[in-house]
Amino acid sequence: MTPRILVFAGSTRSGAYSGKTADVAQRELALGGAEVTRISLADYPLPIMDEDLEREKGVPENAVRLARLFAAHDGILIATPEYNGSMPPLVKNTIDWISRVKSDGGKPLRPLPGRLVAICSSSDGHFAGIRSAGHLRAVLSHIQMEVISPQCSIPYGKEAFDEDGNFREERHAKSMKRVCESLIGMARTLSRRAEG
């Protein structure tokens, strides 16, 4: 079984450390035997979550498109930056809108509950975005996503990557490898359980 893994960063800024971290994850997952889909949230713009807007116009089409992607993959890897000690609004808003998607063309759609997810974080400081990762973990667990324990957190993002976009430090490469191996392994285990 070849796990299908969806990867995205929590920032759309050019040169964002979370984007570079997601790129490393994409390569490591592919090396581990996964079929990887890498997206940018810039291609799925969404308004701020608003129940009045939802009532008047329905869930935005981009939220439905993202929900389909989540549902079509065995696992998700999110690389989040840290803004003011927490996850960026782009990540929270995206998750909030996807959580509103209950059906697609009249058919039930469950993009989040039970979905396997891994978290990576990065920042330009010493704490490596771990507060953001902790808050994101709490949110994803609350909506019943299956968050794996291993996590890759990258400090001092400005110096963390070489010219080829790889981690300079072996400990970071090992941490990412552990996350990706765990995500792939769990996806295969869950698939076997579902089949058997």
Protein backbone atom coordinates (compact mmCIF):
# COMPACT_ATOMS: atom_id res chain seq x y z
CA MET A 1 0.00 0.00 0.00
CA THR A 2 1.35 3.41 -1.01
CA PRO A 3 0.14 6.06 1.45
CA ARG A 4 -1.15 9.29 -0.03
CA ILE A 5 0.09 12.25 2.01
CA LEU A 6 -1.01 15.88 1.64
CA VAL A 7 1.61 18.50 2.59
CA PHE A 8 1.20 22.23 3.05
CA ALA A 9 2.76 25.16 4.90
CA GLY A 10 0.96 27.58 7.17
CA SER A 11 2.50 30.59 5.43
CA THR A 12 2.30 31.70 1.83
CA ARG A 13 5.14 34.21 2.17
CA SER A 14 7.93 33.87 -0.37
CA GLY A 15 10.88 32.19 1.33
CA ALA A 16 8.87 31.28 4.44
CA TYR A 17 10.66 28.87 6.76
CA SER A 18 7.47 26.82 7.01
CA GLY A 19 7.43 26.52 3.23
CA LYS A 20 11.04 25.32 3.21
CA THR A 21 10.22 22.87 6.01
CA ALA A 22 7.27 21.56 3.99
CA ASP A 23 9.60 21.12 0.99
CA VAL A 24 11.96 18.99 3.09
CA ALA A 25 8.99 16.96 4.33
CA GLN A 26 7.78 16.44 0.77
CA ARG A 27 11.14 15.01 -0.28
CA GLU A 28 11.48 12.81 2.82
CA LEU A 29 7.97 11.40 2.46
CA ALA A 30 8.62 10.57 -1.19
CA LEU A 31 11.87 8.83 -0.25
CA GLY A 32 9.89 6.84 2.31
CA GLY A 33 7.55 5.51 -0.36
CA ALA A 34 4.59 7.87 -0.05
CA GLU A 35 2.67 9.49 -2.88
CA VAL A 36 2.90 13.17 -1.95
CA THR A 37 0.62 16.04 -2.91
CA ARG A 38 2.16 19.43 -2.10
CA ILE A 39 -0.18 22.41 -2.14
CA SER A 40 0.00 26.09 -1.30
CA LEU A 41 -2.85 27.68 0.65
CA ALA A 42 -2.36 30.71 -1.62
CA ASP A 43 -4.23 28.69 -4.26
CA TYR A 44 -7.24 28.32 -1.93
CA PRO A 45 -8.05 31.82 -0.66
CA LEU A 46 -10.81 31.94 1.94
CA PRO A 47 -12.66 34.74 3.72
CA ILE A 48 -12.45 34.96 7.50
CA MET A 49 -14.73 32.30 9.00
CA ASP A 50 -18.14 33.89 9.44
CA GLU A 51 -21.34 31.98 10.18
CA ASP A 52 -23.48 34.78 8.74
CA LEU A 53 -21.55 34.51 5.48
CA GLU A 54 -21.92 30.74 5.58
CA ARG A 55 -25.67 31.03 6.11
CA GLU A 56 -26.07 33.52 3.26
CA LYS A 57 -23.71 32.01 0.68
CA GLY A 58 -22.81 28.55 1.94
CA VAL A 59 -19.34 27.15 2.57
CA PRO A 60 -16.83 28.69 0.12
CA GLU A 61 -15.89 26.47 -2.82
CA ASN A 62 -12.22 26.60 -1.87
CA ALA A 63 -13.06 25.10 1.53
CA VAL A 64 -14.90 22.29 -0.24
CA ARG A 65 -11.94 21.76 -2.59
CA LEU A 66 -9.60 21.51 0.40
CA ALA A 67 -12.00 19.17 2.20
CA ARG A 68 -11.97 16.87 -0.84
CA LEU A 69 -8.16 16.87 -0.77
CA PHE A 70 -8.08 16.05 2.94
CA ALA A 71 -10.57 13.22 2.46
CA ALA A 72 -8.66 11.81 -0.51
CA HIS A 73 -5.40 11.40 1.44
CA ASP A 74 -4.34 8.91 4.08
CA GLY A 75 -2.40 11.53 6.02
CA ILE A 76 -1.70 15.24 6.25
CA LEU A 77 1.52 17.04 7.15
CA ILE A 78 1.24 20.67 8.23
CA ALA A 79 4.33 22.86 8.54
CA THR A 80 3.33 25.83 10.65
CA PRO A 81 5.15 29.05 11.49
CA GLU A 82 4.56 30.83 14.80
CA TYR A 83 2.87 34.22 15.04
CA ASN A 84 2.82 35.91 18.44
CA GLY A 85 3.24 32.63 20.28
CA SER A 86 0.56 30.70 18.40
CA MET A 87 -0.47 29.37 15.01
CA PRO A 88 -1.03 31.88 12.20
CA PRO A 89 -4.60 32.91 11.33
CA LEU A 90 -4.21 31.36 7.88
CA VAL A 91 -3.90 27.87 9.40
CA LYS A 92 -6.72 28.31 11.93
CA ASN A 93 -9.08 29.87 9.37
CA THR A 94 -8.39 27.08 6.87
CA ILE A 95 -9.10 24.37 9.45
CA ASP A 96 -12.22 26.20 10.68
CA TRP A 97 -13.69 26.38 7.18
CA ILE A 98 -12.85 22.76 6.34
CA SER A 99 -14.57 21.70 9.55
CA ARG A 100 -17.80 23.19 8.18
CA VAL A 101 -17.82 20.87 5.16
CA LYS A 102 -20.19 17.97 5.89
CA SER A 103 -21.14 16.84 2.38
CA ASP A 104 -20.09 17.08 -1.24
CA GLY A 105 -22.72 16.89 -3.96
CA GLY A 106 -25.20 15.49 -1.47
CA LYS A 107 -22.81 12.74 -0.33
CA PRO A 108 -21.42 12.77 3.24
CA LEU A 109 -17.84 13.99 3.49
CA ARG A 110 -15.69 13.67 6.63
CA PRO A 111 -12.41 15.43 5.83
CA LEU A 112 -11.13 15.81 9.40
CA PRO A 113 -12.33 13.30 12.03
CA GLY A 114 -10.05 10.27 12.14
CA ARG A 115 -7.64 11.75 9.59
CA LEU A 116 -3.98 11.14 10.38
CA VAL A 117 -1.88 14.29 10.72
CA ALA A 118 1.73 15.26 11.49
CA ILE A 119 2.91 18.67 12.66
CA CYS A 120 6.16 20.46 11.88
CA SER A 121 6.99 23.97 13.07
CA SER A 122 9.63 26.60 12.44
CA SER A 123 10.59 30.06 13.57
CA ASP A 124 13.50 32.48 13.41
CA GLY A 125 14.03 32.16 17.15
CA HIS A 126 15.23 29.59 19.65
CA PHE A 127 11.81 28.08 20.43
CA ALA A 128 11.32 26.73 16.88
CA GLY A 129 7.59 27.39 16.76
CA ILE A 130 6.79 24.83 19.46
CA ARG A 131 4.07 27.01 20.99
CA SER A 132 2.37 27.21 17.61
CA ALA A 133 2.72 23.45 17.19
CA GLY A 134 1.25 22.86 20.64
CA HIS A 135 -1.78 25.04 19.96
CA LEU A 136 -2.28 23.44 16.55
CA ARG A 137 -2.04 19.97 18.10
CA ALA A 138 -4.75 20.92 20.63
CA VAL A 139 -7.08 22.22 17.88
CA LEU A 140 -6.59 19.19 15.61
CA SER A 141 -7.08 16.77 18.51
CA HIS A 142 -10.26 18.61 19.52
CA ILE A 143 -11.77 18.03 16.08
CA GLN A 144 -10.84 14.35 16.37
CA MET A 145 -7.94 14.23 13.96
CA GLU A 146 -5.34 11.55 14.75
CA VAL A 147 -2.22 13.62 15.54
CA ILE A 148 0.97 11.54 15.64
CA SER A 149 3.39 12.09 18.52
CA PRO A 150 6.68 12.78 16.66
CA GLN A 151 7.11 16.39 15.66
CA CYS A 152 9.85 18.29 13.83
CA SER A 153 10.55 21.83 15.07
CA ILE A 154 13.17 24.00 13.38
CA PRO A 155 14.75 26.97 15.22
CA TYR A 156 16.71 29.86 13.68
CA GLY A 157 15.06 29.38 10.30
CA LYS A 158 17.30 31.91 8.57
CA GLU A 159 20.35 29.66 9.08
CA ALA A 160 18.59 26.27 9.10
CA PHE A 161 18.63 25.53 5.35
CA ASP A 162 21.48 25.14 2.87
CA GLU A 163 21.54 26.35 -0.74
CA ASP A 164 19.69 23.21 -1.89
CA GLY A 165 16.90 23.66 0.64
CA ASN A 166 18.05 20.85 2.93
CA PHE A 167 18.58 21.14 6.67
CA ARG A 168 22.12 22.08 7.61
CA GLU A 169 22.02 20.15 10.88
CA GLU A 170 21.80 16.37 10.95
CA ARG A 171 19.59 16.41 14.04
CA HIS A 172 16.91 18.28 12.11
CA ALA A 173 17.14 15.84 9.21
CA LYS A 174 16.81 12.92 11.63
CA SER A 175 13.83 14.56 13.31
CA MET A 176 12.06 15.03 9.97
CA LYS A 177 12.86 11.45 8.95
CA ARG A 178 11.32 10.20 12.20
CA VAL A 179 8.14 12.23 11.63
CA CYS A 180 7.77 11.04 8.03
CA GLU A 181 8.48 7.41 8.85
CA SER A 182 5.92 7.52 11.64
CA LEU A 183 3.27 9.15 9.44
CA ILE A 184 3.81 6.62 6.63
CA GLY A 185 3.88 3.68 9.04
CA MET A 186 0.70 4.76 10.81
CA ALA A 187 -1.05 5.33 7.47
CA ARG A 188 -0.16 1.79 6.37
CA THR A 189 -1.31 0.33 9.70
CA LEU A 190 -4.66 2.12 9.54
CA SER A 191 -5.13 1.02 5.94
CA ARG A 192 -4.54 -2.62 6.86
CA ARG A 193 -7.04 -2.35 9.70
CA ALA A 194 -9.64 -0.84 7.37
CA GLU A 195 -9.11 -3.63 4.85
CA GLY A 196 -9.15 -6.44 7.32
